[in-house]
Amino acid sequence: MQYLCLIYEAEALMAQRNEADMGKMMQDYGTFTSEIKAAGQFVAGDALMPTETATSVRIRNGDMITTDGPFAETKEQLGGYYLIEAENLDTAIEIGSRIPAAQYGTIEVRPIMVFDQ
C-alpha cells in the first residue's frame, strides 16, 4: 500500500539555520532517501519551494479566485513529501518517523486512496 508522508516545518526557523546545520540536514535527508530506496519503499519525493511562491486556487459561484500563498496561516508549512510503499500503517509511521524533519517539525502519514478502475 502507498502512503504519503507530508513534511511540515516552520519556514522562519529553516531560514535561520546556518550553513553547517543546513549541510547536516541535507546529508541526513540523503541518507534517509538512500535507505528507503534500497529497501524498495521509495516511490517519489520532492522538496517544495517556500510558501511565498504558492498560489491557492478556488472556484466560487463559477468564478476562479487566486490568492498568493497558502490557504491558511499555520505555524508549520508544507515543505515537501515522500510517497512510500509500506505493508501497513505501522510500517509507514515508522518510516515517517525517520524523516529528518520529524525532529523539529511534523510528519503527516496518510494512506493513498485506491479507486477501482
PDB file of N, CA and C in Angstrom:
ATOM      1  N   MET A   1       0.844  -1.175   0.000  1.00  0.00           N
ATOM      2  CA  MET A   1       0.000   0.000   0.000  1.00  0.00           C
ATOM      3  C   MET A   1       0.893   1.242   0.000  1.00  0.00           C
ATOM      4  N   GLN A   2       0.402   2.286  -0.623  1.00  0.00           N
ATOM      5  CA  GLN A   2       1.173   3.525  -0.673  1.00  0.00           C
ATOM      6  C   GLN A   2       0.682   4.506   0.384  1.00  0.00           C
ATOM      7  N   TYR A   3       1.633   5.250   0.933  1.00  0.00           N
ATOM      8  CA  TYR A   3       1.363   6.274   1.940  1.00  0.00           C
ATOM      9  C   TYR A   3       2.093   7.546   1.544  1.00  0.00           C
ATOM     10  N   LEU A   4       1.456   8.677   1.803  1.00  0.00           N
ATOM     11  CA  LEU A   4       2.082   9.967   1.573  1.00  0.00           C
ATOM     12  C   LEU A   4       2.554  10.505   2.913  1.00  0.00           C
ATOM     13  N   CYS A   5       3.823  10.823   3.002  1.00  0.00           N
ATOM     14  CA  CYS A   5       4.405  11.434   4.207  1.00  0.00           C
ATOM     15  C   CYS A   5       4.611  12.907   3.901  1.00  0.00           C
ATOM     16  N   LEU A   6       3.759  13.741   4.468  1.00  0.00           N
ATOM     17  CA  LEU A   6       3.827  15.181   4.256  1.00  0.00           C
ATOM     18  C   LEU A   6       4.724  15.794   5.319  1.00  0.00           C
ATOM     19  N   ILE A   7       5.663  16.609   4.906  1.00  0.00           N
ATOM     20  CA  ILE A   7       6.679  17.173   5.788  1.00  0.00           C
ATOM     21  C   ILE A   7       6.328  18.633   6.082  1.00  0.00           C
ATOM     22  N   TYR A   8       5.990  18.909   7.338  1.00  0.00           N
ATOM     23  CA  TYR A   8       5.663  20.263   7.767  1.00  0.00           C
ATOM     24  C   TYR A   8       6.780  20.815   8.631  1.00  0.00           C
ATOM     25  N   GLU A   9       7.215  22.031   8.291  1.00  0.00           N
ATOM     26  CA  GLU A   9       8.285  22.696   9.028  1.00  0.00           C
ATOM     27  C   GLU A   9       7.966  24.180   9.112  1.00  0.00           C
ATOM     28  N   ALA A  10       8.543  24.845  10.088  1.00  0.00           N
ATOM     29  CA  ALA A  10       8.398  26.297  10.191  1.00  0.00           C
ATOM     30  C   ALA A  10       9.431  26.941   9.264  1.00  0.00           C
ATOM     31  N   GLU A  11       8.964  27.578   8.200  1.00  0.00           N
ATOM     32  CA  GLU A  11       9.882  28.200   7.238  1.00  0.00           C
ATOM     33  C   GLU A  11      10.777  29.240   7.901  1.00  0.00           C
ATOM     34  N   ALA A  12      10.244  29.962   8.874  1.00  0.00           N
ATOM     35  CA  ALA A  12      11.039  31.001   9.544  1.00  0.00           C
ATOM     36  C   ALA A  12      12.238  30.384  10.261  1.00  0.00           C
ATOM     37  N   LEU A  13      12.044  29.225  10.868  1.00  0.00           N
ATOM     38  CA  LEU A  13      13.161  28.553  11.542  1.00  0.00           C
ATOM     39  C   LEU A  13      14.154  27.993  10.532  1.00  0.00           C
ATOM     40  N   MET A  14      13.655  27.496   9.412  1.00  0.00           N
ATOM     41  CA  MET A  14      14.538  26.984   8.362  1.00  0.00           C
ATOM     42  C   MET A  14      15.463  28.094   7.868  1.00  0.00           C
ATOM     43  N   ALA A  15      14.923  29.290   7.714  1.00  0.00           N
ATOM     44  CA  ALA A  15      15.700  30.421   7.197  1.00  0.00           C
ATOM     45  C   ALA A  15      16.794  30.852   8.171  1.00  0.00           C
ATOM     46  N   GLN A  16      16.647  30.517   9.438  1.00  0.00           N
ATOM     47  CA  GLN A  16      17.630  30.911  10.452  1.00  0.00           C
ATOM     48  C   GLN A  16      18.782  29.921  10.583  1.00  0.00           C
ATOM     49  N   ARG A  17      18.704  28.771   9.907  1.00  0.00           N
ATOM     50  CA  ARG A  17      19.766  27.770  10.032  1.00  0.00           C
ATOM     51  C   ARG A  17      21.044  28.259   9.354  1.00  0.00           C
ATOM     52  N   ASN A  18      22.171  27.968   9.995  1.00  0.00           N
ATOM     53  CA  ASN A  18      23.444  28.336   9.388  1.00  0.00           C
ATOM     54  C   ASN A  18      23.835  27.285   8.347  1.00  0.00           C
ATOM     55  N   GLU A  19      24.889  27.563   7.622  1.00  0.00           N
ATOM     56  CA  GLU A  19      25.321  26.696   6.526  1.00  0.00           C
ATOM     57  C   GLU A  19      25.673  25.286   7.012  1.00  0.00           C
ATOM     58  N   ALA A  20      26.326  25.183   8.162  1.00  0.00           N
ATOM     59  CA  ALA A  20      26.704  23.866   8.697  1.00  0.00           C
ATOM     60  C   ALA A  20      25.470  23.045   9.060  1.00  0.00           C
ATOM     61  N   ASP A  21      24.476  23.689   9.690  1.00  0.00           N
ATOM     62  CA  ASP A  21      23.245  22.982  10.053  1.00  0.00           C
ATOM     63  C   ASP A  21      22.475  22.541   8.804  1.00  0.00           C
ATOM     64  N   MET A  22      22.446  23.403   7.798  1.00  0.00           N
ATOM     65  CA  MET A  22      21.768  23.047   6.541  1.00  0.00           C
ATOM     66  C   MET A  22      22.486  21.870   5.875  1.00  0.00           C
ATOM     67  N   GLY A  23      23.805  21.895   5.886  1.00  0.00           N
ATOM     68  CA  GLY A  23      24.571  20.791   5.300  1.00  0.00           C
ATOM     69  C   GLY A  23      24.293  19.478   6.005  1.00  0.00           C
ATOM     70  N   LYS A  24      24.241  19.505   7.336  1.00  0.00           N
ATOM     71  CA  LYS A  24      23.946  18.299   8.120  1.00  0.00           C
ATOM     72  C   LYS A  24      22.545  17.786   7.811  1.00  0.00           C
ATOM     73  N   MET A  25      21.580  18.708   7.750  1.00  0.00           N
ATOM     74  CA  MET A  25      20.207  18.317   7.457  1.00  0.00           C
ATOM     75  C   MET A  25      20.108  17.680   6.064  1.00  0.00           C
ATOM     76  N   MET A  26      20.764  18.277   5.081  1.00  0.00           N
ATOM     77  CA  MET A  26      20.710  17.729   3.722  1.00  0.00           C
ATOM     78  C   MET A  26      21.389  16.360   3.663  1.00  0.00           C
ATOM     79  N   GLN A  27      22.454  16.193   4.423  1.00  0.00           N
ATOM     80  CA  GLN A  27      23.118  14.894   4.497  1.00  0.00           C
ATOM     81  C   GLN A  27      22.174  13.857   5.119  1.00  0.00           C
ATOM     82  N   ASP A  28      21.465  14.248   6.176  1.00  0.00           N
ATOM     83  CA  ASP A  28      20.509  13.352   6.823  1.00  0.00           C
ATOM     84  C   ASP A  28      19.393  12.954   5.850  1.00  0.00           C
ATOM     85  N   TYR A  29      18.896  13.911   5.063  1.00  0.00           N
ATOM     86  CA  TYR A  29      17.866  13.600   4.065  1.00  0.00           C
ATOM     87  C   TYR A  29      18.421  12.653   2.999  1.00  0.00           C
ATOM     88  N   GLY A  30      19.648  12.873   2.568  1.00  0.00           N
ATOM     89  CA  GLY A  30      20.264  11.994   1.578  1.00  0.00           C
ATOM     90  C   GLY A  30      20.385  10.576   2.091  1.00  0.00           C
ATOM     91  N   THR A  31      20.791  10.431   3.348  1.00  0.00           N
ATOM     92  CA  THR A  31      20.916   9.108   3.963  1.00  0.00           C
ATOM     93  C   THR A  31      19.555   8.430   4.049  1.00  0.00           C
ATOM     94  N   PHE A  32      18.550   9.157   4.552  1.00  0.00           N
ATOM     95  CA  PHE A  32      17.200   8.602   4.669  1.00  0.00           C
ATOM     96  C   PHE A  32      16.673   8.154   3.305  1.00  0.00           C
ATOM     97  N   THR A  33      16.811   9.008   2.300  1.00  0.00           N
ATOM     98  CA  THR A  33      16.312   8.688   0.964  1.00  0.00           C
ATOM     99  C   THR A  33      17.017   7.453   0.409  1.00  0.00           C
ATOM    100  N   SER A  34      18.318   7.370   0.576  1.00  0.00           N
ATOM    101  CA  SER A  34      19.071   6.188   0.120  1.00  0.00           C
ATOM    102  C   SER A  34      18.575   4.917   0.802  1.00  0.00           C
ATOM    103  N   GLU A  35      18.299   5.006   2.107  1.00  0.00           N
ATOM    104  CA  GLU A  35      17.830   3.835   2.854  1.00  0.00           C
ATOM    105  C   GLU A  35      16.486   3.327   2.357  1.00  0.00           C
ATOM    106  N   ILE A  36      15.530   4.255   2.145  1.00  0.00           N
ATOM    107  CA  ILE A  36      14.212   3.771   1.710  1.00  0.00           C
ATOM    108  C   ILE A  36      14.220   3.350   0.239  1.00  0.00           C
ATOM    109  N   LYS A  37      15.121   3.906  -0.557  1.00  0.00           N
ATOM    110  CA  LYS A  37      15.266   3.430  -1.937  1.00  0.00           C
ATOM    111  C   LYS A  37      15.816   2.006  -1.926  1.00  0.00           C
ATOM    112  N   ALA A  38      16.841   1.763  -1.114  1.00  0.00           N
ATOM    113  CA  ALA A  38      17.452   0.431  -1.034  1.00  0.00           C
ATOM    114  C   ALA A  38      16.459  -0.603  -0.515  1.00  0.00           C
ATOM    115  N   ALA A  39      15.535  -0.183   0.349  1.00  0.00           N
ATOM    116  CA  ALA A  39      14.540  -1.100   0.915  1.00  0.00           C
ATOM    117  C   ALA A  39      13.329  -1.280   0.004  1.00  0.00           C
ATOM    118  N   GLY A  40      13.297  -0.596  -1.145  1.00  0.00           N
ATOM    119  CA  GLY A  40      12.168  -0.701  -2.070  1.00  0.00           C
ATOM    120  C   GLY A  40      10.925   0.021  -1.580  1.00  0.00           C
ATOM    121  N   GLN A  41      11.092   0.990  -0.670  1.00  0.00           N
ATOM    122  CA  GLN A  41       9.951   1.702  -0.094  1.00  0.00           C
ATOM    123  C   GLN A  41       9.737   3.080  -0.710  1.00  0.00           C
ATOM    124  N   PHE A  42      10.659   3.545  -1.505  1.00  0.00           N
ATOM    125  CA  PHE A  42      10.571   4.883  -2.109  1.00  0.00           C
ATOM    126  C   PHE A  42       9.771   4.801  -3.399  1.00  0.00           C
ATOM    127  N   VAL A  43       8.773   5.669  -3.540  1.00  0.00           N
ATOM    128  CA  VAL A  43       8.029   5.796  -4.792  1.00  0.00           C
ATOM    129  C   VAL A  43       8.359   7.146  -5.429  1.00  0.00           C
ATOM    130  N   ALA A  44       8.287   8.215  -4.628  1.00  0.00           N
ATOM    131  CA  ALA A  44       8.582   9.563  -5.118  1.00  0.00           C
ATOM    132  C   ALA A  44       8.823  10.467  -3.921  1.00  0.00           C
ATOM    133  N   GLY A  45       9.401  11.608  -4.173  1.00  0.00           N
ATOM    134  CA  GLY A  45       9.602  12.584  -3.113  1.00  0.00           C
ATOM    135  C   GLY A  45      10.228  13.840  -3.673  1.00  0.00           C
ATOM    136  N   ASP A  46       9.838  14.959  -3.124  1.00  0.00           N
ATOM    137  CA  ASP A  46      10.380  16.242  -3.553  1.00  0.00           C
ATOM    138  C   ASP A  46      10.248  17.259  -2.437  1.00  0.00           C
ATOM    139  N   ALA A  47      11.133  18.236  -2.463  1.00  0.00           N
ATOM    140  CA  ALA A  47      11.007  19.415  -1.611  1.00  0.00           C
ATOM    141  C   ALA A  47      10.164  20.428  -2.369  1.00  0.00           C
ATOM    142  N   LEU A  48       9.505  21.291  -1.645  1.00  0.00           N
ATOM    143  CA  LEU A  48       8.688  22.332  -2.254  1.00  0.00           C
ATOM    144  C   LEU A  48       9.360  23.692  -2.071  1.00  0.00           C
ATOM    145  N   MET A  49       9.106  24.578  -2.998  1.00  0.00           N
ATOM    146  CA  MET A  49       9.583  25.954  -2.865  1.00  0.00           C
ATOM    147  C   MET A  49       8.839  26.598  -1.690  1.00  0.00           C
ATOM    148  N   PRO A  50       9.346  27.705  -1.131  1.00  0.00           N
ATOM    149  CA  PRO A  50       8.687  28.347   0.017  1.00  0.00           C
ATOM    150  C   PRO A  50       7.246  28.753  -0.287  1.00  0.00           C
ATOM    151  N   THR A  51       6.451  28.877   0.769  1.00  0.00           N
ATOM    152  CA  THR A  51       5.031  29.202   0.598  1.00  0.00           C
ATOM    153  C   THR A  51       4.818  30.531  -0.115  1.00  0.00           C
ATOM    154  N   GLU A  52       5.786  31.433  -0.055  1.00  0.00           N
ATOM    155  CA  GLU A  52       5.629  32.723  -0.747  1.00  0.00           C
ATOM    156  C   GLU A  52       5.519  32.541  -2.257  1.00  0.00           C
ATOM    157  N   THR A  53       5.907  31.376  -2.777  1.00  0.00           N
ATOM    158  CA  THR A  53       5.808  31.105  -4.210  1.00  0.00           C
ATOM    159  C   THR A  53       4.497  30.405  -4.574  1.00  0.00           C
ATOM    160  N   ALA A  54       3.698  30.055  -3.566  1.00  0.00           N
ATOM    161  CA  ALA A  54       2.464  29.291  -3.803  1.00  0.00           C
ATOM    162  C   ALA A  54       1.325  30.193  -4.255  1.00  0.00           C
ATOM    163  N   THR A  55       0.394  29.599  -4.975  1.00  0.00           N
ATOM    164  CA  THR A  55      -0.857  30.252  -5.339  1.00  0.00           C
ATOM    165  C   THR A  55      -1.987  29.291  -5.010  1.00  0.00           C
ATOM    166  N   SER A  56      -2.980  29.774  -4.264  1.00  0.00           N
ATOM    167  CA  SER A  56      -4.157  28.971  -3.947  1.00  0.00           C
ATOM    168  C   SER A  56      -5.241  29.298  -4.964  1.00  0.00           C
ATOM    169  N   VAL A  57      -5.940  28.261  -5.427  1.00  0.00           N
ATOM    170  CA  VAL A  57      -6.977  28.425  -6.450  1.00  0.00           C
ATOM    171  C   VAL A  57      -8.300  27.905  -5.888  1.00  0.00           C
ATOM    172  N   ARG A  58      -9.358  28.696  -6.084  1.00  0.00           N
ATOM    173  CA  ARG A  58     -10.695  28.291  -5.666  1.00  0.00           C
ATOM    174  C   ARG A  58     -11.683  28.677  -6.762  1.00  0.00           C
ATOM    175  N   ILE A  59     -12.741  27.898  -6.869  1.00  0.00           N
ATOM    176  CA  ILE A  59     -13.853  28.264  -7.752  1.00  0.00           C
ATOM    177  C   ILE A  59     -15.041  28.567  -6.847  1.00  0.00           C
ATOM    178  N   ARG A  60     -15.561  29.767  -6.936  1.00  0.00           N
ATOM    179  CA  ARG A  60     -16.714  30.190  -6.152  1.00  0.00           C
ATOM    180  C   ARG A  60     -17.734  30.811  -7.092  1.00  0.00           C
ATOM    181  N   ASN A  61     -18.939  30.254  -7.066  1.00  0.00           N
ATOM    182  CA  ASN A  61     -20.023  30.737  -7.942  1.00  0.00           C
ATOM    183  C   ASN A  61     -19.574  30.784  -9.393  1.00  0.00           C
ATOM    184  N   GLY A  62     -18.790  29.792  -9.813  1.00  0.00           N
ATOM    185  CA  GLY A  62     -18.331  29.696 -11.188  1.00  0.00           C
ATOM    186  C   GLY A  62     -17.138  30.571 -11.533  1.00  0.00           C
ATOM    187  N   ASP A  63     -16.666  31.370 -10.596  1.00  0.00           N
ATOM    188  CA  ASP A  63     -15.531  32.254 -10.843  1.00  0.00           C
ATOM    189  C   ASP A  63     -14.273  31.689 -10.203  1.00  0.00           C
ATOM    190  N   MET A  64     -13.154  31.793 -10.915  1.00  0.00           N
ATOM    191  CA  MET A  64     -11.872  31.369 -10.367  1.00  0.00           C
ATOM    192  C   MET A  64     -11.278  32.518  -9.554  1.00  0.00           C
ATOM    193  N   ILE A  65     -10.871  32.184  -8.344  1.00  0.00           N
ATOM    194  CA  ILE A  65     -10.238  33.159  -7.457  1.00  0.00           C
ATOM    195  C   ILE A  65      -8.854  32.614  -7.120  1.00  0.00           C
ATOM    196  N   THR A  66      -7.824  33.418  -7.330  1.00  0.00           N
ATOM    197  CA  THR A  66      -6.471  33.008  -6.960  1.00  0.00           C
ATOM    198  C   THR A  66      -5.971  33.925  -5.846  1.00  0.00           C
ATOM    199  N   THR A  67      -5.229  33.325  -4.930  1.00  0.00           N
ATOM    200  CA  THR A  67      -4.667  34.057  -3.805  1.00  0.00           C
ATOM    201  C   THR A  67      -3.205  33.684  -3.687  1.00  0.00           C
ATOM    202  N   ASP A  68      -2.349  34.676  -3.500  1.00  0.00           N
ATOM    203  CA  ASP A  68      -0.941  34.389  -3.282  1.00  0.00           C
ATOM    204  C   ASP A  68      -0.765  33.670  -1.957  1.00  0.00           C
ATOM    205  N   GLY A  69       0.117  32.687  -1.953  1.00  0.00           N
ATOM    206  CA  GLY A  69       0.471  31.988  -0.725  1.00  0.00           C
ATOM    207  C   GLY A  69      -0.460  30.844  -0.395  1.00  0.00           C
ATOM    208  N   PRO A  70      -0.209  30.233   0.765  1.00  0.00           N
ATOM    209  CA  PRO A  70      -1.035  29.092   1.181  1.00  0.00           C
ATOM    210  C   PRO A  70      -2.413  29.550   1.611  1.00  0.00           C
ATOM    211  N   PHE A  71      -3.317  28.606   1.702  1.00  0.00           N
ATOM    212  CA  PHE A  71      -4.708  28.897   2.041  1.00  0.00           C
ATOM    213  C   PHE A  71      -4.860  29.378   3.478  1.00  0.00           C
ATOM    214  N   ALA A  72      -4.122  28.790   4.419  1.00  0.00           N
ATOM    215  CA  ALA A  72      -4.328  29.094   5.830  1.00  0.00           C
ATOM    216  C   ALA A  72      -3.019  29.485   6.501  1.00  0.00           C
ATOM    217  N   GLU A  73      -3.120  30.318   7.499  1.00  0.00           N
ATOM    218  CA  GLU A  73      -1.970  30.650   8.338  1.00  0.00           C
ATOM    219  C   GLU A  73      -1.736  29.491   9.286  1.00  0.00           C
ATOM    220  N   THR A  74      -0.525  29.001   9.325  1.00  0.00           N
ATOM    221  CA  THR A  74      -0.177  27.904  10.219  1.00  0.00           C
ATOM    222  C   THR A  74       1.211  28.163  10.797  1.00  0.00           C
ATOM    223  N   LYS A  75       1.526  27.479  11.868  1.00  0.00           N
ATOM    224  CA  LYS A  75       2.855  27.611  12.463  1.00  0.00           C
ATOM    225  C   LYS A  75       3.885  26.852  11.634  1.00  0.00           C
ATOM    226  N   GLU A  76       3.447  25.769  10.984  1.00  0.00           N
ATOM    227  CA  GLU A  76       4.337  24.976  10.144  1.00  0.00           C
ATOM    228  C   GLU A  76       3.758  24.940   8.734  1.00  0.00           C
ATOM    229  N   GLN A  77       4.654  24.934   7.753  1.00  0.00           N
ATOM    230  CA  GLN A  77       4.223  24.931   6.363  1.00  0.00           C
ATOM    231  C   GLN A  77       4.645  23.621   5.700  1.00  0.00           C
ATOM    232  N   LEU A  78       3.885  23.219   4.697  1.00  0.00           N
ATOM    233  CA  LEU A  78       4.226  22.022   3.930  1.00  0.00           C
ATOM    234  C   LEU A  78       5.490  22.304   3.141  1.00  0.00           C
ATOM    235  N   GLY A  79       6.546  21.532   3.422  1.00  0.00           N
ATOM    236  CA  GLY A  79       7.838  21.787   2.791  1.00  0.00           C
ATOM    237  C   GLY A  79       8.258  20.718   1.802  1.00  0.00           C
ATOM    238  N   GLY A  80       7.571  19.577   1.819  1.00  0.00           N
ATOM    239  CA  GLY A  80       7.931  18.508   0.898  1.00  0.00           C
ATOM    240  C   GLY A  80       7.167  17.250   1.240  1.00  0.00           C
ATOM    241  N   TYR A  81       7.497  16.178   0.531  1.00  0.00           N
ATOM    242  CA  TYR A  81       6.774  14.927   0.746  1.00  0.00           C
ATOM    243  C   TYR A  81       7.613  13.748   0.294  1.00  0.00           C
ATOM    244  N   TYR A  82       7.251  12.594   0.799  1.00  0.00           N
ATOM    245  CA  TYR A  82       7.714  11.306   0.300  1.00  0.00           C
ATOM    246  C   TYR A  82       6.472  10.472   0.042  1.00  0.00           C
ATOM    247  N   LEU A  83       6.408   9.849  -1.115  1.00  0.00           N
ATOM    248  CA  LEU A  83       5.392   8.841  -1.404  1.00  0.00           C
ATOM    249  C   LEU A  83       6.095   7.507  -1.239  1.00  0.00           C
ATOM    250  N   ILE A  84       5.610   6.698  -0.304  1.00  0.00           N
ATOM    251  CA  ILE A  84       6.311   5.469   0.048  1.00  0.00           C
ATOM    252  C   ILE A  84       5.419   4.242  -0.122  1.00  0.00           C
ATOM    253  N   GLU A  85       6.047   3.085  -0.192  1.00  0.00           N
ATOM    254  CA  GLU A  85       5.382   1.788  -0.156  1.00  0.00           C
ATOM    255  C   GLU A  85       5.609   1.213   1.232  1.00  0.00           C
ATOM    256  N   ALA A  86       4.542   0.755   1.877  1.00  0.00           N
ATOM    257  CA  ALA A  86       4.664   0.113   3.186  1.00  0.00           C
ATOM    258  C   ALA A  86       3.565  -0.931   3.305  1.00  0.00           C
ATOM    259  N   GLU A  87       3.856  -1.999   4.024  1.00  0.00           N
ATOM    260  CA  GLU A  87       2.882  -3.091   4.127  1.00  0.00           C
ATOM    261  C   GLU A  87       1.680  -2.721   4.980  1.00  0.00           C
ATOM    262  N   ASN A  88       1.843  -1.746   5.900  1.00  0.00           N
ATOM    263  CA  ASN A  88       0.719  -1.323   6.741  1.00  0.00           C
ATOM    264  C   ASN A  88       1.024   0.045   7.340  1.00  0.00           C
ATOM    265  N   LEU A  89       0.040   0.584   8.053  1.00  0.00           N
ATOM    266  CA  LEU A  89       0.188   1.919   8.628  1.00  0.00           C
ATOM    267  C   LEU A  89       1.318   1.972   9.651  1.00  0.00           C
ATOM    268  N   ASP A  90       1.464   0.938  10.462  1.00  0.00           N
ATOM    269  CA  ASP A  90       2.539   0.949  11.461  1.00  0.00           C
ATOM    270  C   ASP A  90       3.907   1.081  10.800  1.00  0.00           C
ATOM    271  N   THR A  91       4.118   0.363   9.714  1.00  0.00           N
ATOM    272  CA  THR A  91       5.388   0.443   8.987  1.00  0.00           C
ATOM    273  C   THR A  91       5.557   1.828   8.375  1.00  0.00           C
ATOM    274  N   ALA A  92       4.475   2.381   7.822  1.00  0.00           N
ATOM    275  CA  ALA A  92       4.537   3.721   7.228  1.00  0.00           C
ATOM    276  C   ALA A  92       4.869   4.769   8.287  1.00  0.00           C
ATOM    277  N   ILE A  93       4.305   4.630   9.472  1.00  0.00           N
ATOM    278  CA  ILE A  93       4.600   5.573  10.561  1.00  0.00           C
ATOM    279  C   ILE A  93       6.058   5.455  10.981  1.00  0.00           C
ATOM    280  N   GLU A  94       6.567   4.233  11.042  1.00  0.00           N
ATOM    281  CA  GLU A  94       7.977   4.036  11.409  1.00  0.00           C
ATOM    282  C   GLU A  94       8.879   4.698  10.373  1.00  0.00           C
ATOM    283  N   ILE A  95       8.561   4.532   9.092  1.00  0.00           N
ATOM    284  CA  ILE A  95       9.350   5.173   8.035  1.00  0.00           C
ATOM    285  C   ILE A  95       9.255   6.693   8.177  1.00  0.00           C
ATOM    286  N   GLY A  96       8.041   7.204   8.360  1.00  0.00           N
ATOM    287  CA  GLY A  96       7.844   8.645   8.512  1.00  0.00           C
ATOM    288  C   GLY A  96       8.595   9.225   9.695  1.00  0.00           C
ATOM    289  N   SER A  97       8.713   8.431  10.760  1.00  0.00           N
ATOM    290  CA  SER A  97       9.412   8.923  11.953  1.00  0.00           C
ATOM    291  C   SER A  97      10.903   9.116  11.714  1.00  0.00           C
ATOM    292  N   ARG A  98      11.433   8.504  10.652  1.00  0.00           N
ATOM    293  CA  ARG A  98      12.857   8.627  10.337  1.00  0.00           C
ATOM    294  C   ARG A  98      13.163   9.806   9.429  1.00  0.00           C
ATOM    295  N   ILE A  99      12.131  10.468   8.908  1.00  0.00           N
ATOM    296  CA  ILE A  99      12.352  11.661   8.084  1.00  0.00           C
ATOM    297  C   ILE A  99      12.976  12.720   8.992  1.00  0.00           C
ATOM    298  N   PRO A 100      14.094  13.323   8.589  1.00  0.00           N
ATOM    299  CA  PRO A 100      14.803  14.263   9.466  1.00  0.00           C
ATOM    300  C   PRO A 100      13.926  15.354  10.075  1.00  0.00           C
ATOM    301  N   ALA A 101      12.955  15.871   9.353  1.00  0.00           N
ATOM    302  CA  ALA A 101      12.119  16.956   9.881  1.00  0.00           C
ATOM    303  C   ALA A 101      11.254  16.515  11.050  1.00  0.00           C
ATOM    304  N   ALA A 102      11.097  15.219  11.281  1.00  0.00           N
ATOM    305  CA  ALA A 102      10.312  14.753  12.430  1.00  0.00           C
ATOM    306  C   ALA A 102      10.938  15.226  13.736  1.00  0.00           C
ATOM    307  N   GLN A 103      12.227  15.564  13.710  1.00  0.00           N
ATOM    308  CA  GLN A 103      12.927  16.009  14.916  1.00  0.00           C
ATOM    309  C   GLN A 103      12.595  17.448  15.300  1.00  0.00           C
ATOM    310  N   TYR A 104      12.081  18.244  14.352  1.00  0.00           N
ATOM    311  CA  TYR A 104      11.791  19.646  14.656  1.00  0.00           C
ATOM    312  C   TYR A 104      10.495  20.134  14.029  1.00  0.00           C
ATOM    313  N   GLY A 105       9.840  19.308  13.236  1.00  0.00           N
ATOM    314  CA  GLY A 105       8.580  19.668  12.591  1.00  0.00           C
ATOM    315  C   GLY A 105       7.564  18.566  12.810  1.00  0.00           C
ATOM    316  N   THR A 106       6.716  18.363  11.818  1.00  0.00           N
ATOM    317  CA  THR A 106       5.662  17.355  11.890  1.00  0.00           C
ATOM    318  C   THR A 106       5.626  16.574  10.589  1.00  0.00           C
ATOM    319  N   ILE A 107       5.474  15.265  10.694  1.00  0.00           N
ATOM    320  CA  ILE A 107       5.285  14.418   9.520  1.00  0.00           C
ATOM    321  C   ILE A 107       3.873  13.859   9.574  1.00  0.00           C
ATOM    322  N   GLU A 108       3.072  14.160   8.580  1.00  0.00           N
ATOM    323  CA  GLU A 108       1.720  13.605   8.483  1.00  0.00           C
ATOM    324  C   GLU A 108       1.784  12.394   7.556  1.00  0.00           C
ATOM    325  N   VAL A 109       1.378  11.236   8.054  1.00  0.00           N
ATOM    326  CA  VAL A 109       1.381  10.000   7.273  1.00  0.00           C
ATOM    327  C   VAL A 109      -0.062   9.687   6.908  1.00  0.00           C
ATOM    328  N   ARG A 110      -0.323   9.595   5.592  1.00  0.00           N
ATOM    329  CA  ARG A 110      -1.697   9.393   5.145  1.00  0.00           C
ATOM    330  C   ARG A 110      -1.754   8.350   4.041  1.00  0.00           C
ATOM    331  N   PRO A 111      -2.633   7.348   4.175  1.00  0.00           N
ATOM    332  CA  PRO A 111      -2.766   6.340   3.117  1.00  0.00           C
ATOM    333  C   PRO A 111      -3.292   6.961   1.830  1.00  0.00           C
ATOM    334  N   ILE A 112      -2.829   6.418   0.716  1.00  0.00           N
ATOM    335  CA  ILE A 112      -3.324   6.820  -0.600  1.00  0.00           C
ATOM    336  C   ILE A 112      -4.611   6.057  -0.871  1.00  0.00           C
ATOM    337  N   MET A 113      -5.658   6.759  -1.270  1.00  0.00           N
ATOM    338  CA  MET A 113      -6.930   6.114  -1.594  1.00  0.00           C
ATOM    339  C   MET A 113      -6.820   5.472  -2.973  1.00  0.00           C
ATOM    340  N   VAL A 114      -7.217   4.227  -3.062  1.00  0.00           N
ATOM    341  CA  VAL A 114      -7.161   3.487  -4.325  1.00  0.00           C
ATOM    342  C   VAL A 114      -8.595   3.346  -4.844  1.00  0.00           C
ATOM    343  N   PHE A 115      -8.815   3.803  -6.061  1.00  0.00           N
ATOM    344  CA  PHE A 115     -10.129   3.685  -6.696  1.00  0.00           C
ATOM    345  C   PHE A 115     -10.110   2.510  -7.650  1.00  0.00           C
ATOM    346  N   ASP A 116     -11.171   1.751  -7.672  1.00  0.00           N
ATOM    347  CA  ASP A 116     -11.281   0.654  -8.642  1.00  0.00           C
ATOM    348  C   ASP A 116     -11.428   1.248 -10.025  1.00  0.00           C
ATOM    349  N   GLN A 117     -10.732   0.658 -10.970  1.00  0.00           N
ATOM    350  CA  GLN A 117     -10.767   1.163 -12.345  1.00  0.00           C
ATOM    351  C   GLN A 117     -11.994   0.657 -13.072  1.00  0.00           C
TER     352      GLN A 117
END
